[in-house]
Amino acid sequence: MNSASVATVASPAVSLDELIGHRAYLVRFAQRRLHDPMLAEDVVHDVFEAVLDGRAAFGGRAALRSWLTAVLKHKIVDLVRRRPAHESLDDEAGNADALAQACPQPRPDEAAEQRERLRLALARIEAMPASLREVMRLRVLEERDTAEVCARLDISEENLFVRLHRARKQLLS
């Protein structure tokens, strides 16, 4: 169903002031769905344009905000359907640009800061009580599976997660 078929019944006119009163709500609604503030603004603008041009007419069978939200939902669905789900890796124009971009390397001062932070974090892990230190070493540093860590330390999963939580909390304090 597209947005043009939402409502086509002759209806009481909707004033611009009434529309503007619902704008902030509609923009927030669209942002939660689209995760792009500029795109959300554009879609809400499209809704207002459709209403003002008469492509969508308010029949008065629901509250104005509910009806505007329904029109907005249909506009979002139309937008999502028009957008490609993913970009093809075979596309030579887009692929050439992606390959031309170099991986960012940290500047020497940034690399030194990262090494220092790592050294301090490892020192703090070593200073932890043995039960927390072993959990951090096995699960975080060595990236062992939860079941393996639990079996090795002879603890339950819940206990593992409690220890991890305490260890991380201690690292951040």
N, C-alpha and C. Protein backbone atom coordinates (compact mmCIF):
# COMPACT_ATOMS: atom_id res chain seq x y z
N MET A 1 0.86 -1.17 0.00
CA MET A 1 0.00 0.00 0.00
C MET A 1 0.90 1.22 0.00
N ASN A 2 0.64 2.16 -0.89
CA ASN A 2 1.48 3.35 -0.90
C ASN A 2 0.78 4.49 -0.20
N SER A 3 1.49 5.57 0.01
CA SER A 3 0.96 6.67 0.79
C SER A 3 -0.17 7.38 0.09
N ALA A 4 -0.25 7.30 -1.23
CA ALA A 4 -1.32 7.98 -1.95
C ALA A 4 -2.66 7.32 -1.67
N SER A 5 -2.68 6.05 -1.31
CA SER A 5 -3.94 5.35 -1.08
C SER A 5 -4.35 5.34 0.39
N VAL A 6 -3.65 6.09 1.22
CA VAL A 6 -3.98 6.09 2.65
C VAL A 6 -5.37 6.65 2.89
N ALA A 7 -5.66 7.81 2.31
CA ALA A 7 -6.99 8.38 2.46
C ALA A 7 -7.25 9.29 1.28
N THR A 8 -8.35 9.08 0.61
CA THR A 8 -8.66 9.92 -0.55
C THR A 8 -10.06 10.50 -0.44
N VAL A 9 -10.70 10.37 0.69
CA VAL A 9 -12.05 10.87 0.91
C VAL A 9 -11.99 12.38 1.08
N ALA A 10 -12.98 13.07 0.55
CA ALA A 10 -13.05 14.52 0.77
C ALA A 10 -13.13 14.75 2.27
N SER A 11 -12.38 15.72 2.75
CA SER A 11 -12.25 15.83 4.19
C SER A 11 -12.20 17.26 4.64
N PRO A 12 -12.35 17.43 5.95
CA PRO A 12 -12.15 18.76 6.49
C PRO A 12 -10.72 19.19 6.22
N ALA A 13 -10.52 20.42 5.86
CA ALA A 13 -9.18 20.91 5.53
C ALA A 13 -8.30 20.89 6.78
N VAL A 14 -7.05 20.55 6.56
CA VAL A 14 -6.06 20.55 7.64
C VAL A 14 -5.22 21.80 7.45
N SER A 15 -5.15 22.61 8.48
CA SER A 15 -4.39 23.85 8.34
C SER A 15 -2.91 23.60 8.55
N LEU A 16 -2.12 24.51 8.02
CA LEU A 16 -0.66 24.43 8.16
C LEU A 16 -0.27 24.50 9.63
N ASP A 17 -0.97 25.31 10.42
CA ASP A 17 -0.67 25.42 11.85
C ASP A 17 -0.89 24.10 12.57
N GLU A 18 -1.94 23.38 12.19
CA GLU A 18 -2.20 22.07 12.80
C GLU A 18 -1.08 21.09 12.46
N LEU A 19 -0.63 21.13 11.20
CA LEU A 19 0.46 20.25 10.78
C LEU A 19 1.74 20.56 11.55
N ILE A 20 2.06 21.82 11.64
CA ILE A 20 3.31 22.23 12.31
C ILE A 20 3.28 21.83 13.78
N GLY A 21 2.10 21.83 14.37
CA GLY A 21 1.98 21.42 15.77
C GLY A 21 2.39 19.97 16.00
N HIS A 22 2.32 19.14 14.97
CA HIS A 22 2.67 17.72 15.08
C HIS A 22 4.05 17.42 14.50
N ARG A 23 4.73 18.41 13.97
CA ARG A 23 6.00 18.20 13.26
C ARG A 23 7.07 17.55 14.14
N ALA A 24 7.28 18.07 15.34
CA ALA A 24 8.34 17.55 16.21
C ALA A 24 8.11 16.06 16.52
N TYR A 25 6.86 15.71 16.81
CA TYR A 25 6.53 14.31 17.09
C TYR A 25 6.84 13.44 15.88
N LEU A 26 6.41 13.89 14.70
CA LEU A 26 6.62 13.11 13.49
C LEU A 26 8.10 12.94 13.16
N VAL A 27 8.88 13.98 13.37
CA VAL A 27 10.32 13.90 13.11
C VAL A 27 10.97 12.90 14.07
N ARG A 28 10.61 12.95 15.35
CA ARG A 28 11.17 11.98 16.31
C ARG A 28 10.77 10.56 15.92
N PHE A 29 9.53 10.38 15.52
CA PHE A 29 9.04 9.06 15.09
C PHE A 29 9.87 8.56 13.91
N ALA A 30 10.07 9.41 12.92
CA ALA A 30 10.83 9.02 11.73
C ALA A 30 12.30 8.75 12.07
N GLN A 31 12.88 9.53 12.97
CA GLN A 31 14.28 9.33 13.35
C GLN A 31 14.46 7.98 14.03
N ARG A 32 13.51 7.57 14.85
CA ARG A 32 13.61 6.27 15.52
C ARG A 32 13.56 5.13 14.51
N ARG A 33 12.84 5.33 13.43
CA ARG A 33 12.72 4.28 12.41
C ARG A 33 13.89 4.28 11.42
N LEU A 34 14.35 5.49 11.05
CA LEU A 34 15.33 5.60 9.98
C LEU A 34 16.77 5.78 10.46
N HIS A 35 16.95 6.20 11.68
CA HIS A 35 18.28 6.42 12.26
C HIS A 35 19.10 7.43 11.45
N ASP A 36 18.42 8.39 10.84
CA ASP A 36 19.09 9.42 10.04
C ASP A 36 18.27 10.70 10.17
N PRO A 37 18.75 11.69 10.94
CA PRO A 37 17.96 12.91 11.17
C PRO A 37 17.58 13.65 9.89
N MET A 38 18.48 13.73 8.94
CA MET A 38 18.19 14.47 7.71
C MET A 38 17.13 13.73 6.88
N LEU A 39 17.24 12.44 6.80
CA LEU A 39 16.26 11.64 6.07
C LEU A 39 14.89 11.73 6.74
N ALA A 40 14.88 11.74 8.06
CA ALA A 40 13.63 11.87 8.81
C ALA A 40 12.96 13.21 8.48
N GLU A 41 13.72 14.27 8.46
CA GLU A 41 13.18 15.59 8.10
C GLU A 41 12.58 15.56 6.69
N ASP A 42 13.29 14.92 5.76
CA ASP A 42 12.81 14.84 4.38
C ASP A 42 11.49 14.08 4.28
N VAL A 43 11.38 12.97 5.01
CA VAL A 43 10.17 12.17 4.95
C VAL A 43 9.00 12.93 5.55
N VAL A 44 9.22 13.63 6.66
CA VAL A 44 8.15 14.42 7.27
C VAL A 44 7.74 15.53 6.31
N HIS A 45 8.69 16.14 5.64
CA HIS A 45 8.38 17.16 4.64
C HIS A 45 7.51 16.57 3.54
N ASP A 46 7.82 15.35 3.10
CA ASP A 46 7.02 14.67 2.08
C ASP A 46 5.58 14.45 2.56
N VAL A 47 5.43 14.11 3.84
CA VAL A 47 4.09 13.92 4.40
C VAL A 47 3.32 15.23 4.33
N PHE A 48 3.94 16.32 4.78
CA PHE A 48 3.27 17.62 4.76
C PHE A 48 2.93 18.04 3.34
N GLU A 49 3.83 17.78 2.43
CA GLU A 49 3.60 18.12 1.02
C GLU A 49 2.41 17.33 0.47
N ALA A 50 2.34 16.05 0.80
CA ALA A 50 1.22 15.22 0.33
C ALA A 50 -0.10 15.72 0.90
N VAL A 51 -0.11 16.12 2.17
CA VAL A 51 -1.32 16.60 2.80
C VAL A 51 -1.73 17.94 2.19
N LEU A 52 -0.79 18.84 2.03
CA LEU A 52 -1.12 20.17 1.51
C LEU A 52 -1.50 20.15 0.04
N ASP A 53 -0.93 19.22 -0.72
CA ASP A 53 -1.26 19.11 -2.14
C ASP A 53 -2.54 18.32 -2.38
N GLY A 54 -3.08 17.70 -1.34
CA GLY A 54 -4.33 16.96 -1.47
C GLY A 54 -4.15 15.52 -1.89
N ARG A 55 -2.90 15.03 -1.97
CA ARG A 55 -2.68 13.62 -2.32
C ARG A 55 -3.08 12.71 -1.18
N ALA A 56 -3.09 13.23 0.03
CA ALA A 56 -3.56 12.49 1.20
C ALA A 56 -4.56 13.41 1.89
N ALA A 57 -5.77 12.92 2.08
CA ALA A 57 -6.82 13.76 2.66
C ALA A 57 -7.27 13.18 4.00
N PHE A 58 -7.43 14.06 4.96
CA PHE A 58 -7.83 13.66 6.30
C PHE A 58 -9.34 13.47 6.34
N GLY A 59 -9.77 12.26 6.66
CA GLY A 59 -11.19 11.94 6.67
C GLY A 59 -11.86 12.24 8.00
N GLY A 60 -11.12 12.54 9.04
CA GLY A 60 -11.70 12.84 10.33
C GLY A 60 -12.13 11.61 11.11
N ARG A 61 -11.79 10.42 10.62
CA ARG A 61 -12.19 9.19 11.32
C ARG A 61 -11.25 8.85 12.47
N ALA A 62 -10.13 9.54 12.58
CA ALA A 62 -9.16 9.30 13.65
C ALA A 62 -8.60 10.65 14.07
N ALA A 63 -7.80 10.62 15.11
CA ALA A 63 -7.14 11.85 15.53
C ALA A 63 -6.14 12.26 14.45
N LEU A 64 -5.93 13.54 14.29
CA LEU A 64 -5.03 14.05 13.26
C LEU A 64 -3.63 13.46 13.41
N ARG A 65 -3.12 13.40 14.65
CA ARG A 65 -1.77 12.85 14.86
C ARG A 65 -1.69 11.39 14.44
N SER A 66 -2.70 10.61 14.76
CA SER A 66 -2.71 9.20 14.36
C SER A 66 -2.71 9.07 12.85
N TRP A 67 -3.51 9.89 12.19
CA TRP A 67 -3.58 9.83 10.74
C TRP A 67 -2.25 10.26 10.11
N LEU A 68 -1.65 11.35 10.62
CA LEU A 68 -0.35 11.80 10.10
C LEU A 68 0.71 10.73 10.32
N THR A 69 0.65 10.05 11.47
CA THR A 69 1.62 8.98 11.74
C THR A 69 1.43 7.84 10.76
N ALA A 70 0.19 7.52 10.42
CA ALA A 70 -0.06 6.46 9.44
C ALA A 70 0.48 6.85 8.07
N VAL A 71 0.27 8.09 7.66
CA VAL A 71 0.81 8.56 6.38
C VAL A 71 2.33 8.48 6.42
N LEU A 72 2.92 8.89 7.54
CA LEU A 72 4.38 8.85 7.70
C LEU A 72 4.90 7.41 7.61
N LYS A 73 4.22 6.48 8.26
CA LYS A 73 4.63 5.07 8.20
C LYS A 73 4.66 4.58 6.76
N HIS A 74 3.64 4.95 5.98
CA HIS A 74 3.60 4.52 4.58
C HIS A 74 4.71 5.17 3.77
N LYS A 75 5.03 6.42 4.08
CA LYS A 75 6.13 7.09 3.38
C LYS A 75 7.46 6.41 3.71
N ILE A 76 7.63 6.01 4.96
CA ILE A 76 8.86 5.32 5.36
C ILE A 76 8.96 3.98 4.66
N VAL A 77 7.86 3.24 4.59
CA VAL A 77 7.86 1.95 3.89
C VAL A 77 8.22 2.15 2.42
N ASP A 78 7.61 3.16 1.79
CA ASP A 78 7.93 3.45 0.39
C ASP A 78 9.41 3.77 0.22
N LEU A 79 9.96 4.55 1.14
CA LEU A 79 11.37 4.92 1.08
C LEU A 79 12.27 3.70 1.21
N VAL A 80 11.96 2.84 2.17
CA VAL A 80 12.78 1.65 2.41
C VAL A 80 12.72 0.72 1.21
N ARG A 81 11.55 0.60 0.60
CA ARG A 81 11.42 -0.26 -0.58
C ARG A 81 12.22 0.27 -1.77
N ARG A 82 12.31 1.59 -1.89
CA ARG A 82 13.06 2.18 -3.00
C ARG A 82 14.56 2.08 -2.82
N ARG A 83 15.01 2.03 -1.58
CA ARG A 83 16.46 1.97 -1.32
C ARG A 83 16.97 0.56 -1.56
N PRO A 84 18.16 0.44 -2.14
CA PRO A 84 18.73 -0.90 -2.30
C PRO A 84 19.07 -1.48 -0.93
N ALA A 85 18.84 -2.78 -0.79
CA ALA A 85 19.09 -3.45 0.49
C ALA A 85 20.57 -3.41 0.84
N HIS A 86 21.42 -3.55 -0.16
CA HIS A 86 22.85 -3.50 0.06
C HIS A 86 23.51 -3.12 -1.25
N GLU A 87 24.68 -2.61 -1.17
CA GLU A 87 25.39 -2.24 -2.37
C GLU A 87 26.19 -3.41 -2.87
N SER A 88 26.21 -3.57 -4.16
CA SER A 88 26.90 -4.70 -4.76
C SER A 88 28.41 -4.49 -4.71
N LEU A 89 29.13 -5.55 -4.41
CA LEU A 89 30.59 -5.47 -4.43
C LEU A 89 31.11 -5.50 -5.85
N ASP A 90 30.24 -5.90 -6.80
CA ASP A 90 30.64 -5.94 -8.19
C ASP A 90 30.58 -4.58 -8.85
N ASP A 91 29.97 -3.62 -8.19
CA ASP A 91 29.86 -2.27 -8.75
C ASP A 91 31.25 -1.64 -8.81
N GLU A 92 31.76 -1.48 -9.99
CA GLU A 92 33.14 -1.03 -10.15
C GLU A 92 33.36 0.39 -9.68
N ALA A 93 32.39 1.27 -9.89
CA ALA A 93 32.58 2.67 -9.49
C ALA A 93 32.68 2.79 -7.98
N GLY A 94 31.73 2.17 -7.25
CA GLY A 94 31.77 2.23 -5.80
C GLY A 94 32.91 1.44 -5.22
N ASN A 95 33.24 0.31 -5.83
CA ASN A 95 34.30 -0.57 -5.34
C ASN A 95 35.66 0.09 -5.49
N ALA A 96 35.87 0.81 -6.58
CA ALA A 96 37.16 1.47 -6.81
C ALA A 96 37.41 2.51 -5.73
N ASP A 97 36.36 3.26 -5.37
CA ASP A 97 36.51 4.27 -4.32
C ASP A 97 36.81 3.62 -2.97
N ALA A 98 36.15 2.51 -2.69
CA ALA A 98 36.36 1.82 -1.42
C ALA A 98 37.78 1.28 -1.33
N LEU A 99 38.29 0.74 -2.44
CA LEU A 99 39.64 0.19 -2.43
C LEU A 99 40.70 1.28 -2.37
N ALA A 100 40.36 2.47 -2.89
CA ALA A 100 41.33 3.56 -2.92
C ALA A 100 41.57 4.14 -1.53
N GLN A 101 40.62 3.97 -0.62
CA GLN A 101 40.77 4.51 0.72
C GLN A 101 41.72 3.63 1.52
N ALA A 102 42.72 4.26 2.08
CA ALA A 102 43.69 3.53 2.89
C ALA A 102 43.14 3.34 4.29
N CYS A 103 43.53 2.27 4.93
CA CYS A 103 43.17 2.06 6.32
C CYS A 103 43.90 3.09 7.16
N PRO A 104 43.18 3.76 8.03
CA PRO A 104 43.84 4.79 8.83
C PRO A 104 44.83 4.18 9.82
N GLN A 105 46.02 4.67 9.81
CA GLN A 105 47.04 4.23 10.75
C GLN A 105 47.16 5.29 11.84
N PRO A 106 47.28 4.88 13.08
CA PRO A 106 47.41 5.88 14.14
C PRO A 106 48.73 6.64 14.00
N ARG A 107 48.65 7.91 14.38
CA ARG A 107 49.88 8.72 14.39
C ARG A 107 50.78 8.17 15.49
N PRO A 108 52.06 8.46 15.44
CA PRO A 108 52.97 7.94 16.47
C PRO A 108 52.55 8.30 17.88
N ASP A 109 52.06 9.52 18.09
CA ASP A 109 51.65 9.91 19.44
C ASP A 109 50.39 9.14 19.87
N GLU A 110 49.48 8.87 18.92
CA GLU A 110 48.29 8.08 19.25
C GLU A 110 48.67 6.64 19.57
N ALA A 111 49.61 6.09 18.81
CA ALA A 111 50.06 4.72 19.06
C ALA A 111 50.71 4.62 20.44
N ALA A 112 51.49 5.63 20.81
CA ALA A 112 52.13 5.64 22.13
C ALA A 112 51.08 5.71 23.24
N GLU A 113 50.03 6.53 23.03
CA GLU A 113 48.96 6.62 24.02
C GLU A 113 48.22 5.29 24.16
N GLN A 114 47.96 4.63 23.01
CA GLN A 114 47.28 3.33 23.05
C GLN A 114 48.12 2.29 23.80
N ARG A 115 49.43 2.28 23.53
CA ARG A 115 50.31 1.33 24.24
C ARG A 115 50.31 1.61 25.73
N GLU A 116 50.33 2.88 26.12
CA GLU A 116 50.33 3.24 27.53
C GLU A 116 49.02 2.83 28.20
N ARG A 117 47.88 3.07 27.53
CA ARG A 117 46.58 2.66 28.09
C ARG A 117 46.52 1.14 28.23
N LEU A 118 47.04 0.42 27.25
CA LEU A 118 47.05 -1.04 27.31
C LEU A 118 47.92 -1.51 28.47
N ARG A 119 49.09 -0.89 28.64
CA ARG A 119 49.99 -1.26 29.73
C ARG A 119 49.31 -1.04 31.07
N LEU A 120 48.63 0.10 31.23
CA LEU A 120 47.94 0.40 32.49
C LEU A 120 46.79 -0.58 32.73
N ALA A 121 46.03 -0.91 31.70
CA ALA A 121 44.91 -1.85 31.84
C ALA A 121 45.43 -3.22 32.25
N LEU A 122 46.51 -3.68 31.60
CA LEU A 122 47.07 -4.99 31.95
C LEU A 122 47.61 -4.99 33.37
N ALA A 123 48.22 -3.88 33.79
CA ALA A 123 48.71 -3.78 35.16
C ALA A 123 47.56 -3.82 36.15
N ARG A 124 46.45 -3.17 35.83
CA ARG A 124 45.28 -3.18 36.71
C ARG A 124 44.67 -4.58 36.78
N ILE A 125 44.69 -5.31 35.66
CA ILE A 125 44.18 -6.68 35.66
C ILE A 125 45.06 -7.55 36.55
N GLU A 126 46.36 -7.39 36.45
CA GLU A 126 47.29 -8.17 37.27
C GLU A 126 47.13 -7.86 38.75
N ALA A 127 46.70 -6.65 39.09
CA ALA A 127 46.54 -6.27 40.49
C ALA A 127 45.22 -6.75 41.09
N MET A 128 44.34 -7.30 40.27
CA MET A 128 43.03 -7.78 40.75
C MET A 128 43.20 -9.05 41.58
N PRO A 129 42.19 -9.36 42.39
CA PRO A 129 42.19 -10.64 43.08
C PRO A 129 42.23 -11.78 42.06
N ALA A 130 42.79 -12.91 42.45
CA ALA A 130 43.02 -14.02 41.53
C ALA A 130 41.74 -14.48 40.81
N SER A 131 40.61 -14.51 41.51
CA SER A 131 39.37 -15.00 40.88
C SER A 131 38.94 -14.08 39.74
N LEU A 132 39.06 -12.77 39.92
CA LEU A 132 38.69 -11.82 38.87
C LEU A 132 39.74 -11.79 37.77
N ARG A 133 41.00 -11.87 38.14
CA ARG A 133 42.10 -11.83 37.17
C ARG A 133 42.01 -13.00 36.20
N GLU A 134 41.74 -14.21 36.71
CA GLU A 134 41.66 -15.39 35.85
C GLU A 134 40.49 -15.29 34.88
N VAL A 135 39.37 -14.80 35.36
CA VAL A 135 38.20 -14.64 34.49
C VAL A 135 38.52 -13.65 33.37
N MET A 136 39.13 -12.53 33.70
CA MET A 136 39.48 -11.52 32.69
C MET A 136 40.50 -12.08 31.70
N ARG A 137 41.48 -12.78 32.22
CA ARG A 137 42.52 -13.32 31.34
C ARG A 137 41.93 -14.32 30.35
N LEU A 138 41.16 -15.26 30.85
CA LEU A 138 40.63 -16.32 29.98
C LEU A 138 39.53 -15.82 29.04
N ARG A 139 38.56 -15.12 29.59
CA ARG A 139 37.38 -14.75 28.78
C ARG A 139 37.63 -13.53 27.89
N VAL A 140 38.33 -12.52 28.41
CA VAL A 140 38.50 -11.27 27.67
C VAL A 140 39.80 -11.26 26.88
N LEU A 141 40.90 -11.51 27.54
CA LEU A 141 42.19 -11.41 26.85
C LEU A 141 42.43 -12.57 25.89
N GLU A 142 42.11 -13.78 26.33
CA GLU A 142 42.32 -14.96 25.47
C GLU A 142 41.09 -15.30 24.64
N GLU A 143 39.97 -14.61 24.90
CA GLU A 143 38.72 -14.79 24.16
C GLU A 143 38.25 -16.25 24.14
N ARG A 144 38.35 -16.91 25.29
CA ARG A 144 37.88 -18.30 25.40
C ARG A 144 36.37 -18.32 25.49
N ASP A 145 35.78 -19.44 25.09
CA ASP A 145 34.34 -19.64 25.13
C ASP A 145 33.87 -19.68 26.59
N THR A 146 32.64 -19.22 26.81
CA THR A 146 32.08 -19.18 28.16
C THR A 146 32.10 -20.56 28.81
N ALA A 147 31.66 -21.57 28.08
CA ALA A 147 31.61 -22.92 28.64
C ALA A 147 33.01 -23.40 29.03
N GLU A 148 33.98 -23.09 28.20
CA GLU A 148 35.36 -23.51 28.48
C GLU A 148 35.89 -22.84 29.74
N VAL A 149 35.62 -21.54 29.88
CA VAL A 149 36.09 -20.82 31.07
C VAL A 149 35.42 -21.37 32.32
N CYS A 150 34.12 -21.62 32.23
CA CYS A 150 33.39 -22.16 33.38
C CYS A 150 33.94 -23.53 33.78
N ALA A 151 34.20 -24.37 32.79
CA ALA A 151 34.73 -25.70 33.09
C ALA A 151 36.13 -25.60 33.69
N ARG A 152 36.93 -24.74 33.14
CA ARG A 152 38.32 -24.62 33.60
C ARG A 152 38.40 -24.10 35.02
N LEU A 153 37.54 -23.13 35.35
CA LEU A 153 37.56 -22.54 36.69
C LEU A 153 36.58 -23.21 37.64
N ASP A 154 35.80 -24.18 37.13
CA ASP A 154 34.81 -24.90 37.92
C ASP A 154 33.83 -23.94 38.59
N ILE A 155 33.22 -23.08 37.76
CA ILE A 155 32.22 -22.12 38.22
C ILE A 155 31.02 -22.18 37.29
N SER A 156 29.90 -21.63 37.75
CA SER A 156 28.68 -21.58 36.92
C SER A 156 28.77 -20.39 35.96
N GLU A 157 27.89 -20.40 34.96
CA GLU A 157 27.84 -19.28 34.02
C GLU A 157 27.47 -18.00 34.74
N GLU A 158 26.51 -18.09 35.63
CA GLU A 158 26.09 -16.90 36.38
C GLU A 158 27.26 -16.33 37.17
N ASN A 159 28.03 -17.21 37.80
CA ASN A 159 29.19 -16.76 38.57
C ASN A 159 30.22 -16.12 37.64
N LEU A 160 30.40 -16.69 36.46
CA LEU A 160 31.35 -16.11 35.50
C LEU A 160 30.93 -14.69 35.16
N PHE A 161 29.64 -14.50 34.86
CA PHE A 161 29.18 -13.18 34.48
C PHE A 161 29.27 -12.18 35.62
N VAL A 162 29.03 -12.65 36.84
CA VAL A 162 29.17 -11.77 38.01
C VAL A 162 30.63 -11.35 38.16
N ARG A 163 31.53 -12.30 38.02
CA ARG A 163 32.96 -11.98 38.14
C ARG A 163 33.42 -11.03 37.03
N LEU A 164 32.95 -11.27 35.81
CA LEU A 164 33.29 -10.37 34.70
C LEU A 164 32.78 -8.96 34.98
N HIS A 165 31.56 -8.87 35.47
CA HIS A 165 30.99 -7.57 35.79
C HIS A 165 31.82 -6.85 36.85
N ARG A 166 32.17 -7.56 37.90
CA ARG A 166 32.97 -6.97 38.98
C ARG A 166 34.35 -6.57 38.49
N ALA A 167 34.95 -7.40 37.64
CA ALA A 167 36.28 -7.10 37.12
C ALA A 167 36.24 -5.86 36.23
N ARG A 168 35.26 -5.77 35.38
CA ARG A 168 35.15 -4.61 34.50
C ARG A 168 34.86 -3.35 35.29
N LYS A 169 34.03 -3.49 36.30
CA LYS A 169 33.72 -2.35 37.16
C LYS A 169 34.98 -1.87 37.87
N GLN A 170 35.77 -2.81 38.33
CA GLN A 170 37.02 -2.47 39.02
C GLN A 170 38.01 -1.80 38.06
N LEU A 171 38.03 -2.25 36.79
CA LEU A 171 38.93 -1.63 35.82
C LEU A 171 38.54 -0.18 35.54
N LEU A 172 37.25 0.09 35.54
CA LEU A 172 36.78 1.43 35.23
C LEU A 172 36.87 2.40 36.41
N SER A 173 37.01 1.85 37.61
CA SER A 173 37.06 2.75 38.78
C SER A 173 38.43 3.33 39.00
